[in-house]
Amino acid sequence: MNKSIIWILIVSALVSGLLWLLLGNRNVSSTKLKDYDCSDFRTQREAQTFFESNGGPSSDPHNLDGDKDGKVCESLK
């Protein structure tokens, strides 16, 4: 095999690996990118549905359930 072809293959592999490290490792859901607060919802029911579909009540990464009673954004109607 020609040395220039080997160098091209090596450089291509290195560039591909670098691009994967920089761009390809972005497996994050959109709800984890934004911190939701009660003011992001129009009603308590809307907030509750979001809460339950994103891990609540066992997980509350957005801290929507301040008193930990399973019901979020109780100030909303």
N, C-alpha and C. Protein backbone atom coordinates (compact mmCIF):
# COMPACT_ATOMS: atom_id res chain seq x y z
N MET A 1 0.85 -1.17 0.00
CA MET A 1 0.00 0.00 0.00
C MET A 1 0.90 1.24 0.00
N ASN A 2 0.52 2.22 -0.70
CA ASN A 2 1.28 3.45 -0.82
C ASN A 2 1.26 4.22 0.50
N LYS A 3 2.38 4.85 0.90
CA LYS A 3 2.48 5.56 2.17
C LYS A 3 1.51 6.74 2.23
N SER A 4 1.28 7.40 1.12
CA SER A 4 0.36 8.54 1.14
C SER A 4 -1.08 8.08 1.42
N ILE A 5 -1.45 6.92 0.94
CA ILE A 5 -2.78 6.39 1.21
C ILE A 5 -2.92 6.04 2.69
N ILE A 6 -1.89 5.48 3.28
CA ILE A 6 -1.90 5.13 4.70
C ILE A 6 -2.06 6.41 5.54
N TRP A 7 -1.31 7.47 5.18
CA TRP A 7 -1.42 8.72 5.91
C TRP A 7 -2.82 9.32 5.77
N ILE A 8 -3.39 9.23 4.61
CA ILE A 8 -4.76 9.75 4.39
C ILE A 8 -5.75 8.99 5.27
N LEU A 9 -5.60 7.68 5.35
CA LEU A 9 -6.49 6.87 6.19
C LEU A 9 -6.33 7.21 7.67
N ILE A 10 -5.10 7.39 8.11
CA ILE A 10 -4.84 7.73 9.51
C ILE A 10 -5.43 9.09 9.86
N VAL A 11 -5.17 10.07 9.01
CA VAL A 11 -5.70 11.41 9.26
C VAL A 11 -7.23 11.41 9.22
N SER A 12 -7.81 10.68 8.31
CA SER A 12 -9.27 10.59 8.23
C SER A 12 -9.85 9.98 9.50
N ALA A 13 -9.22 8.93 9.98
CA ALA A 13 -9.69 8.29 11.21
C ALA A 13 -9.57 9.24 12.40
N LEU A 14 -8.48 9.97 12.49
CA LEU A 14 -8.30 10.92 13.59
C LEU A 14 -9.31 12.06 13.52
N VAL A 15 -9.54 12.59 12.35
CA VAL A 15 -10.52 13.66 12.19
C VAL A 15 -11.93 13.16 12.51
N SER A 16 -12.26 11.97 12.06
CA SER A 16 -13.58 11.39 12.36
C SER A 16 -13.77 11.21 13.86
N GLY A 17 -12.76 10.69 14.52
CA GLY A 17 -12.83 10.51 15.97
C GLY A 17 -12.98 11.82 16.71
N LEU A 18 -12.25 12.82 16.28
CA LEU A 18 -12.33 14.13 16.90
C LEU A 18 -13.72 14.75 16.70
N LEU A 19 -14.25 14.65 15.51
CA LEU A 19 -15.60 15.17 15.24
C LEU A 19 -16.65 14.45 16.08
N TRP A 20 -16.50 13.15 16.23
CA TRP A 20 -17.45 12.40 17.05
C TRP A 20 -17.39 12.87 18.50
N LEU A 21 -16.18 13.07 19.01
CA LEU A 21 -16.05 13.54 20.39
C LEU A 21 -16.66 14.93 20.58
N LEU A 22 -16.46 15.79 19.60
CA LEU A 22 -16.95 17.15 19.72
C LEU A 22 -18.44 17.30 19.44
N LEU A 23 -18.95 16.54 18.48
CA LEU A 23 -20.33 16.75 18.01
C LEU A 23 -21.25 15.56 18.22
N GLY A 24 -20.73 14.38 18.22
CA GLY A 24 -21.58 13.19 18.20
C GLY A 24 -22.07 12.72 19.53
N ASN A 25 -21.59 13.27 20.61
CA ASN A 25 -21.94 12.78 21.93
C ASN A 25 -22.93 13.70 22.60
N ARG A 26 -24.01 14.05 21.89
CA ARG A 26 -25.00 15.01 22.41
C ARG A 26 -26.35 14.36 22.56
N ASN A 27 -26.43 13.32 23.33
CA ASN A 27 -27.67 12.59 23.52
C ASN A 27 -28.37 13.09 24.78
N VAL A 28 -28.94 14.29 24.72
CA VAL A 28 -29.60 14.91 25.86
C VAL A 28 -31.00 15.32 25.42
N SER A 29 -32.00 14.96 26.23
CA SER A 29 -33.36 15.34 25.85
C SER A 29 -33.58 16.82 26.07
N SER A 30 -34.55 17.39 25.35
CA SER A 30 -34.79 18.83 25.41
C SER A 30 -35.30 19.26 26.77
N THR A 31 -36.02 18.40 27.52
CA THR A 31 -36.51 18.80 28.83
C THR A 31 -35.36 18.90 29.83
N LYS A 32 -34.27 18.23 29.58
CA LYS A 32 -33.13 18.33 30.49
C LYS A 32 -32.30 19.56 30.20
N LEU A 33 -32.46 20.17 29.04
CA LEU A 33 -31.71 21.36 28.71
C LEU A 33 -32.31 22.60 29.35
N LYS A 34 -33.60 22.59 29.58
CA LYS A 34 -34.30 23.76 30.13
C LYS A 34 -34.74 23.45 31.55
N ASP A 35 -34.60 24.42 32.42
CA ASP A 35 -35.09 24.28 33.78
C ASP A 35 -36.51 24.86 33.83
N TYR A 36 -37.46 24.01 34.06
CA TYR A 36 -38.86 24.44 34.09
C TYR A 36 -39.25 24.91 35.48
N ASP A 37 -40.04 25.97 35.52
CA ASP A 37 -40.61 26.50 36.75
C ASP A 37 -42.12 26.54 36.59
N CYS A 38 -42.82 26.75 37.68
CA CYS A 38 -44.28 26.79 37.61
C CYS A 38 -44.78 27.87 36.66
N SER A 39 -44.03 28.94 36.52
CA SER A 39 -44.45 30.03 35.63
C SER A 39 -44.40 29.62 34.15
N ASP A 40 -43.79 28.47 33.85
CA ASP A 40 -43.75 27.98 32.48
C ASP A 40 -45.05 27.27 32.08
N PHE A 41 -45.95 27.08 33.02
CA PHE A 41 -47.19 26.34 32.76
C PHE A 41 -48.40 27.26 32.98
N ARG A 42 -49.46 26.99 32.20
CA ARG A 42 -50.68 27.80 32.32
C ARG A 42 -51.57 27.30 33.45
N THR A 43 -51.59 25.98 33.68
CA THR A 43 -52.45 25.41 34.71
C THR A 43 -51.68 24.41 35.56
N GLN A 44 -52.24 24.11 36.73
CA GLN A 44 -51.64 23.11 37.60
C GLN A 44 -51.68 21.75 36.93
N ARG A 45 -52.76 21.46 36.23
CA ARG A 45 -52.88 20.16 35.55
C ARG A 45 -51.79 19.99 34.49
N GLU A 46 -51.49 21.05 33.73
CA GLU A 46 -50.43 21.00 32.73
C GLU A 46 -49.07 20.73 33.40
N ALA A 47 -48.82 21.41 34.51
CA ALA A 47 -47.57 21.20 35.25
C ALA A 47 -47.50 19.79 35.82
N GLN A 48 -48.62 19.30 36.34
CA GLN A 48 -48.68 17.96 36.92
C GLN A 48 -48.40 16.90 35.86
N THR A 49 -48.98 17.06 34.68
CA THR A 49 -48.77 16.12 33.59
C THR A 49 -47.30 16.11 33.18
N PHE A 50 -46.70 17.29 33.07
CA PHE A 50 -45.28 17.37 32.75
C PHE A 50 -44.44 16.68 33.83
N PHE A 51 -44.74 16.97 35.07
CA PHE A 51 -44.03 16.39 36.21
C PHE A 51 -44.07 14.87 36.18
N GLU A 52 -45.25 14.32 36.00
CA GLU A 52 -45.41 12.86 36.01
C GLU A 52 -44.77 12.20 34.79
N SER A 53 -44.76 12.88 33.66
CA SER A 53 -44.15 12.28 32.46
C SER A 53 -42.63 12.43 32.45
N ASN A 54 -42.08 13.18 33.40
CA ASN A 54 -40.63 13.37 33.48
C ASN A 54 -40.04 12.86 34.79
N GLY A 55 -40.64 11.79 35.33
CA GLY A 55 -40.05 11.11 36.47
C GLY A 55 -40.70 11.34 37.81
N GLY A 56 -41.60 12.30 37.91
CA GLY A 56 -42.21 12.59 39.20
C GLY A 56 -43.18 11.51 39.63
N PRO A 57 -43.37 11.31 40.88
CA PRO A 57 -42.80 12.02 42.01
C PRO A 57 -41.45 11.47 42.51
N SER A 58 -41.00 10.36 41.95
CA SER A 58 -39.73 9.79 42.44
C SER A 58 -38.53 10.64 42.04
N SER A 59 -38.68 11.46 41.01
CA SER A 59 -37.60 12.33 40.56
C SER A 59 -38.20 13.69 40.22
N ASP A 60 -37.62 14.74 40.78
CA ASP A 60 -38.12 16.10 40.54
C ASP A 60 -36.94 17.03 40.22
N PRO A 61 -36.31 16.83 39.04
CA PRO A 61 -35.14 17.63 38.72
C PRO A 61 -35.44 19.12 38.54
N HIS A 62 -36.70 19.48 38.32
CA HIS A 62 -37.06 20.87 38.12
C HIS A 62 -37.57 21.52 39.41
N ASN A 63 -37.64 20.73 40.48
CA ASN A 63 -38.09 21.20 41.79
C ASN A 63 -39.46 21.87 41.71
N LEU A 64 -40.38 21.20 41.03
CA LEU A 64 -41.74 21.71 40.90
C LEU A 64 -42.60 21.37 42.11
N ASP A 65 -42.19 20.35 42.86
CA ASP A 65 -42.93 19.90 44.03
C ASP A 65 -42.16 20.30 45.29
N GLY A 66 -42.29 21.57 45.66
CA GLY A 66 -41.52 22.12 46.77
C GLY A 66 -41.75 21.42 48.10
N ASP A 67 -42.99 21.03 48.38
CA ASP A 67 -43.28 20.39 49.68
C ASP A 67 -43.29 18.87 49.61
N LYS A 68 -42.93 18.32 48.46
CA LYS A 68 -42.75 16.87 48.26
C LYS A 68 -44.01 16.06 48.57
N ASP A 69 -45.18 16.64 48.25
CA ASP A 69 -46.43 15.90 48.48
C ASP A 69 -46.97 15.24 47.23
N GLY A 70 -46.22 15.36 46.11
CA GLY A 70 -46.64 14.73 44.86
C GLY A 70 -47.50 15.62 43.98
N LYS A 71 -47.92 16.78 44.51
CA LYS A 71 -48.73 17.71 43.74
C LYS A 71 -47.88 18.96 43.49
N VAL A 72 -47.68 19.29 42.20
CA VAL A 72 -46.79 20.39 41.83
C VAL A 72 -47.56 21.68 41.57
N CYS A 73 -46.84 22.77 41.68
CA CYS A 73 -47.36 24.09 41.30
C CYS A 73 -48.77 24.34 41.86
N GLU A 74 -48.91 24.14 43.13
CA GLU A 74 -50.22 24.23 43.75
C GLU A 74 -50.80 25.65 43.73
N SER A 75 -49.95 26.64 43.46
CA SER A 75 -50.46 28.02 43.37
C SER A 75 -51.18 28.28 42.05
N LEU A 76 -50.96 27.41 41.04
CA LEU A 76 -51.66 27.55 39.77
C LEU A 76 -53.07 26.98 39.89
N LYS A 77 -53.98 27.50 39.10
CA LYS A 77 -55.37 27.00 39.13
C LYS A 77 -55.61 26.01 38.04
